[in-house]
Amino acid sequence: ADSVAKYGGIGVLLRSITTKYDNNPHTGVVFYADKVERVPAVAVGYLDSDFLRQALIEDPELEVNFKLNSKWFPDAQSYNVIGEITGTKYPDEIITVGGHIDSWDLGVGANDDATGCIQSMEVLDLFKRLNIAPQRTIRCVLFINEENGSRGANAYAQFADSSLQKTIAAMEADAGSGSPRDFSVDSDSLTINKIKSWIPVLSETGILRVRKGGSGADVGGIKSAIARIGYGPDGQRYFDYHHSDNDQFSIIHPREFELGSAAMATLIYMIDQEGL
């Protein structure tokens, strides 16, 4: 939107970035550079954008009226939610796992990011149900304000990086509820290769590869972590529902969801037992 304003545009009509042929627009944040006039910006559903395209072909002088009712409200106090299982041998070595508990008002945020939050909590639950007493502290963090400011992530990163406790690894689940596919690891080559050596174990949950890459908006800022890890489920249908009214619990496949929890718990177990 700032680029449009910079070149004299008075508004933005964006075809929703979706892979589904429907008319549900997707929402998200809009960034403006400093000293650039803020112009209205809206996402348009797939079918409506096709309609507008054809209308413009037939009448290049066509005018569109914008009527927006979105508002920016004052900040309100909010909190991360944290729970943990204290390590039996190395309680001050932390393995963090989490997702974000805020979502856009379209849909119910089922995949973005309720599934990631539940899978993160299930990691702790699986340890408890299997009577596994971890050597290191397993900490579940549900981050607030990921969608439009990352205040929860920033506050936790500041805490973790200044703590006397040592963050061994920080894992994030924020890519939907599809079948497990990979883990993306932000770390040095020796650490990544060590995690790759566990693929024969991880493959039992559907993980196909471990690759070097980014982790996620909520754990990427924990600079003191030896490894920052992003859980990667199958994303073929992710933009069918991302940030739209399609993001409902009814589209979550229970077995794929459970395998994701198992994949995350398995990697965290390996890190706990073997270290990094």
Protein backbone atom coordinates (compact mmCIF):
# COMPACT_ATOMS: atom_id res chain seq x y z
CA ALA A 1 0.00 0.00 0.00
CA ASP A 2 2.85 2.42 0.71
CA SER A 3 4.22 1.86 -2.81
CA VAL A 4 0.83 2.72 -4.29
CA ALA A 5 0.63 5.90 -2.18
CA LYS A 6 4.21 6.85 -3.04
CA TYR A 7 3.34 6.89 -6.75
CA GLY A 8 0.12 8.82 -6.30
CA GLY A 9 -2.40 6.01 -5.95
CA ILE A 10 -5.48 6.64 -3.84
CA GLY A 11 -6.34 3.04 -2.90
CA VAL A 12 -5.52 -0.64 -3.30
CA LEU A 13 -7.78 -3.44 -4.51
CA LEU A 14 -5.89 -6.71 -4.10
CA ARG A 15 -6.99 -10.07 -5.44
CA SER A 16 -6.90 -12.40 -2.44
CA ILE A 17 -3.90 -14.71 -2.43
CA THR A 18 -5.83 -17.95 -2.32
CA THR A 19 -5.72 -21.36 -3.94
CA LYS A 20 -9.46 -21.94 -3.58
CA TYR A 21 -12.05 -20.90 -6.12
CA ASP A 22 -14.53 -19.13 -3.87
CA ASN A 23 -15.45 -15.61 -2.81
CA ASN A 24 -14.03 -15.45 0.70
CA PRO A 25 -11.50 -12.60 0.93
CA HIS A 26 -8.35 -13.04 3.01
CA THR A 27 -7.22 -10.41 5.49
CA GLY A 28 -3.84 -9.42 6.92
CA VAL A 29 -1.62 -6.49 7.85
CA VAL A 30 -0.77 -3.49 5.70
CA PHE A 31 2.62 -1.79 6.07
CA TYR A 32 3.26 1.87 5.37
CA ALA A 33 6.64 3.56 5.14
CA ASP A 34 7.24 6.67 7.25
CA LYS A 35 5.91 9.93 5.85
CA VAL A 36 3.77 8.15 3.24
CA GLU A 37 0.06 8.91 3.14
CA ARG A 38 -2.00 5.94 4.26
CA VAL A 39 -4.42 4.95 1.53
CA PRO A 40 -7.27 2.44 1.94
CA ALA A 41 -6.43 -1.14 1.02
CA VAL A 42 -8.82 -4.07 0.67
CA ALA A 43 -8.57 -7.71 -0.38
CA VAL A 44 -11.18 -8.90 -2.85
CA GLY A 45 -12.54 -12.44 -3.14
CA TYR A 46 -11.51 -14.62 -6.09
CA LEU A 47 -14.90 -14.45 -7.82
CA ASP A 48 -15.35 -10.74 -7.23
CA SER A 49 -11.86 -10.01 -8.57
CA ASP A 50 -12.68 -11.96 -11.73
CA PHE A 51 -15.87 -9.91 -12.04
CA LEU A 52 -13.96 -6.63 -11.62
CA ARG A 53 -11.33 -7.68 -14.12
CA GLN A 54 -13.95 -8.40 -16.76
CA ALA A 55 -15.78 -5.16 -15.94
CA LEU A 56 -12.57 -3.16 -16.43
CA ILE A 57 -11.95 -4.84 -19.77
CA GLU A 58 -15.44 -3.81 -20.89
CA ASP A 59 -15.17 -0.30 -19.40
CA PRO A 60 -11.59 0.95 -18.75
CA GLU A 61 -13.04 4.16 -17.23
CA LEU A 62 -14.89 2.22 -14.54
CA GLU A 63 -14.84 3.81 -11.07
CA VAL A 64 -15.04 1.95 -7.76
CA ASN A 65 -16.25 3.36 -4.46
CA PHE A 66 -14.52 2.17 -1.26
CA LYS A 67 -16.53 1.88 1.95
CA LEU A 68 -14.41 0.50 4.81
CA ASN A 69 -15.49 0.05 8.42
CA SER A 70 -12.25 -1.30 9.87
CA LYS A 71 -10.84 0.51 12.91
CA TRP A 72 -7.58 0.66 14.84
CA PHE A 73 -8.27 0.46 18.56
CA PRO A 74 -5.94 1.45 21.42
CA ASP A 75 -3.59 -1.21 22.76
CA ALA A 76 -4.87 -3.34 25.64
CA GLN A 77 -2.94 -5.36 28.20
CA SER A 78 -2.41 -8.94 27.04
CA TYR A 79 -0.31 -11.89 28.10
CA ASN A 80 1.60 -14.92 26.90
CA VAL A 81 0.50 -18.21 28.47
CA ILE A 82 3.30 -20.45 29.72
CA GLY A 83 3.41 -23.97 31.14
CA GLU A 84 6.32 -26.35 31.58
CA ILE A 85 7.62 -29.69 32.78
CA THR A 86 10.75 -29.09 34.84
CA GLY A 87 13.79 -31.07 33.79
CA THR A 88 15.07 -33.75 36.15
CA LYS A 89 18.77 -33.41 35.31
CA TYR A 90 19.23 -30.06 33.56
CA PRO A 91 16.33 -27.88 34.80
CA ASP A 92 17.98 -24.68 33.58
CA GLU A 93 18.29 -25.94 30.01
CA ILE A 94 15.09 -25.02 28.22
CA ILE A 95 13.41 -26.52 25.17
CA THR A 96 10.62 -24.16 24.11
CA VAL A 97 7.66 -25.12 21.94
CA GLY A 98 4.73 -22.91 21.03
CA GLY A 99 2.23 -21.23 18.77
CA HIS A 100 0.24 -17.98 18.91
CA ILE A 101 -3.15 -17.54 20.54
CA ASP A 102 -4.35 -14.49 18.61
CA SER A 103 -6.08 -14.67 15.24
CA TRP A 104 -7.88 -12.51 12.72
CA ASP A 105 -11.63 -12.00 13.10
CA LEU A 106 -12.41 -13.86 9.87
CA GLY A 107 -13.02 -17.54 10.62
CA VAL A 108 -12.11 -18.82 14.07
CA GLY A 109 -8.34 -19.14 13.67
CA ALA A 110 -8.53 -22.93 13.71
CA ASN A 111 -5.37 -23.47 11.67
CA ASP A 112 -3.79 -20.09 12.38
CA ASP A 113 -2.98 -20.84 15.01
CA ALA A 114 -5.20 -22.91 17.32
CA THR A 115 -3.77 -26.15 15.93
CA GLY A 116 -0.20 -25.02 16.60
CA CYS A 117 -1.15 -24.09 20.17
CA ILE A 118 -2.87 -27.41 20.85
CA GLN A 119 -0.02 -29.40 19.28
CA SER A 120 2.45 -27.53 21.47
CA MET A 121 0.42 -28.33 24.57
CA GLU A 122 0.11 -31.93 23.40
CA VAL A 123 3.90 -32.24 23.43
CA LEU A 124 3.80 -31.79 27.20
CA ASP A 125 0.71 -33.97 27.47
CA LEU A 126 2.39 -36.82 25.55
CA PHE A 127 5.39 -36.68 27.90
CA LYS A 128 3.02 -36.90 30.87
CA ARG A 129 0.85 -39.70 29.44
CA LEU A 130 3.91 -41.75 28.51
CA ASN A 131 5.46 -41.14 31.93
CA ILE A 132 8.54 -39.55 30.38
CA ALA A 133 10.42 -37.37 32.83
CA PRO A 134 12.52 -35.08 30.60
CA GLN A 135 16.10 -34.32 31.51
CA ARG A 136 15.67 -30.72 30.36
CA THR A 137 12.78 -28.36 31.01
CA ILE A 138 10.11 -28.53 28.30
CA ARG A 139 8.33 -25.19 28.15
CA CYS A 140 5.16 -24.49 26.18
CA VAL A 141 4.61 -20.83 25.30
CA LEU A 142 1.40 -19.55 23.72
CA PHE A 143 2.33 -16.19 22.25
CA ILE A 144 0.02 -13.20 22.01
CA ASN A 145 -0.11 -10.58 19.25
CA GLU A 146 1.69 -12.47 16.49
CA GLU A 147 -0.63 -11.23 13.78
CA ASN A 148 -0.06 -7.49 14.03
CA GLY A 149 2.90 -6.63 16.20
CA SER A 150 4.62 -9.70 17.73
CA ARG A 151 4.70 -8.09 21.15
CA GLY A 152 4.39 -11.46 22.88
CA ALA A 153 7.30 -12.90 20.89
CA ASN A 154 9.45 -9.84 21.48
CA ALA A 155 8.80 -9.85 25.22
CA TYR A 156 9.57 -13.56 25.54
CA ALA A 157 12.73 -13.30 23.42
CA GLN A 158 13.99 -10.47 25.62
CA PHE A 159 13.27 -12.60 28.70
CA ALA A 160 14.92 -15.74 27.27
CA ASP A 161 18.00 -13.93 25.99
CA SER A 162 18.61 -12.23 29.34
CA SER A 163 17.80 -15.24 31.52
CA LEU A 164 20.38 -17.29 33.40
CA GLN A 165 18.61 -20.32 31.94
CA LYS A 166 19.90 -21.58 28.59
CA THR A 167 17.56 -22.09 25.64
CA ILE A 168 18.68 -25.27 23.87
CA ALA A 169 16.00 -25.17 21.19
CA ALA A 170 12.85 -23.19 20.38
CA MET A 171 10.21 -24.77 18.13
CA GLU A 172 7.20 -23.09 16.55
CA ALA A 173 4.06 -24.58 15.00
CA ASP A 174 2.28 -22.00 12.82
CA ALA A 175 1.77 -23.47 9.36
CA GLY A 176 -1.54 -25.31 9.52
CA SER A 177 -2.65 -28.81 10.40
CA GLY A 178 -1.60 -30.90 7.40
CA SER A 179 0.38 -34.12 7.55
CA PRO A 180 3.98 -33.78 8.82
CA ARG A 181 6.53 -33.04 6.11
CA ASP A 182 9.67 -31.39 7.52
CA PHE A 183 11.42 -29.31 10.11
CA SER A 184 13.14 -26.07 9.12
CA VAL A 185 16.13 -25.31 11.34
CA ASP A 186 17.91 -22.03 11.91
CA SER A 187 21.28 -23.05 13.35
CA ASP A 188 24.84 -23.96 12.43
CA SER A 189 25.63 -26.85 10.08
CA LEU A 190 26.81 -29.23 12.82
CA THR A 191 23.56 -28.84 14.75
CA ILE A 192 21.46 -29.24 11.61
CA ASN A 193 23.35 -32.39 10.63
CA LYS A 194 22.79 -33.82 14.09
CA ILE A 195 19.05 -33.28 13.76
CA LYS A 196 19.16 -34.77 10.26
CA SER A 197 20.68 -37.94 11.73
CA TRP A 198 17.39 -38.48 13.57
CA ILE A 199 15.29 -38.63 10.38
CA PRO A 200 14.95 -42.46 10.61
CA VAL A 201 13.14 -41.90 13.92
CA LEU A 202 11.21 -38.81 12.82
CA SER A 203 10.06 -40.56 9.63
CA GLU A 204 7.81 -42.79 11.73
CA THR A 205 5.56 -39.72 12.14
CA GLY A 206 5.73 -38.70 8.46
CA ILE A 207 8.69 -36.31 8.52
CA LEU A 208 10.55 -36.51 5.20
CA ARG A 209 13.41 -34.09 5.70
CA VAL A 210 15.22 -31.64 7.96
CA ARG A 211 16.45 -28.53 6.17
CA LYS A 212 18.22 -25.27 6.91
CA GLY A 213 15.81 -22.36 6.98
CA GLY A 214 13.72 -20.00 9.07
CA SER A 215 11.76 -20.96 12.15
CA GLY A 216 8.87 -18.56 12.63
CA ALA A 217 7.78 -15.14 13.82
CA ASP A 218 7.40 -16.18 17.46
CA VAL A 219 10.68 -18.03 18.11
CA GLY A 220 12.91 -16.50 15.46
CA GLY A 221 13.89 -13.68 17.79
CA ILE A 222 15.31 -15.94 20.51
CA LYS A 223 18.90 -15.31 19.50
CA SER A 224 20.39 -17.25 22.43
CA ALA A 225 18.79 -20.53 21.32
CA ILE A 226 21.17 -23.08 19.83
CA ALA A 227 18.46 -23.99 17.30
CA ARG A 228 15.26 -22.24 16.24
CA ILE A 229 12.93 -24.73 14.56
CA GLY A 230 9.80 -24.42 12.44
CA TYR A 231 7.44 -27.39 12.17
CA GLY A 232 6.40 -27.84 8.54
CA PRO A 233 3.18 -29.71 7.75
CA ASP A 234 1.88 -30.25 4.22
CA GLY A 235 0.94 -26.78 3.00
CA GLN A 236 -0.79 -27.57 -0.29
CA ARG A 237 -4.16 -26.35 1.03
CA TYR A 238 -2.91 -23.72 3.46
CA PHE A 239 -3.98 -20.74 1.37
CA ASP A 240 -7.41 -22.27 0.86
CA TYR A 241 -8.21 -21.01 4.35
CA HIS A 242 -5.37 -18.75 5.57
CA HIS A 243 -6.71 -15.52 7.19
CA SER A 244 -10.20 -16.14 5.85
CA ASP A 245 -13.64 -17.33 6.90
CA ASN A 246 -12.63 -20.79 5.64
CA ASP A 247 -10.37 -21.27 8.68
CA GLN A 248 -12.79 -23.45 10.64
CA PHE A 249 -12.28 -26.49 12.88
CA SER A 250 -14.36 -28.59 10.48
CA ILE A 251 -11.51 -28.68 7.92
CA ILE A 252 -8.96 -30.15 10.34
CA HIS A 253 -8.21 -33.83 9.73
CA PRO A 254 -7.80 -35.49 13.15
CA ARG A 255 -5.17 -38.03 12.08
CA GLU A 256 -3.00 -35.48 10.28
CA PHE A 257 -3.28 -33.23 13.33
CA GLU A 258 -2.26 -36.05 15.71
CA LEU A 259 0.73 -36.98 13.57
CA GLY A 260 1.89 -33.38 13.79
CA SER A 261 1.80 -33.52 17.58
CA ALA A 262 3.71 -36.80 17.46
CA ALA A 263 6.37 -35.36 15.12
CA MET A 264 6.95 -32.34 17.34
CA ALA A 265 7.06 -34.44 20.51
CA THR A 266 9.47 -36.91 18.92
CA LEU A 267 11.96 -34.23 17.90
CA ILE A 268 11.75 -32.57 21.30
CA TYR A 269 12.32 -35.95 22.96
CA MET A 270 15.43 -36.50 20.82
CA ILE A 271 16.78 -33.06 21.68
CA ASP A 272 16.07 -33.67 25.35
CA GLN A 273 17.84 -37.04 25.35
CA GLU A 274 20.75 -36.27 23.03
CA GLY A 275 21.23 -32.52 23.43
CA LEU A 276 22.45 -30.21 20.67
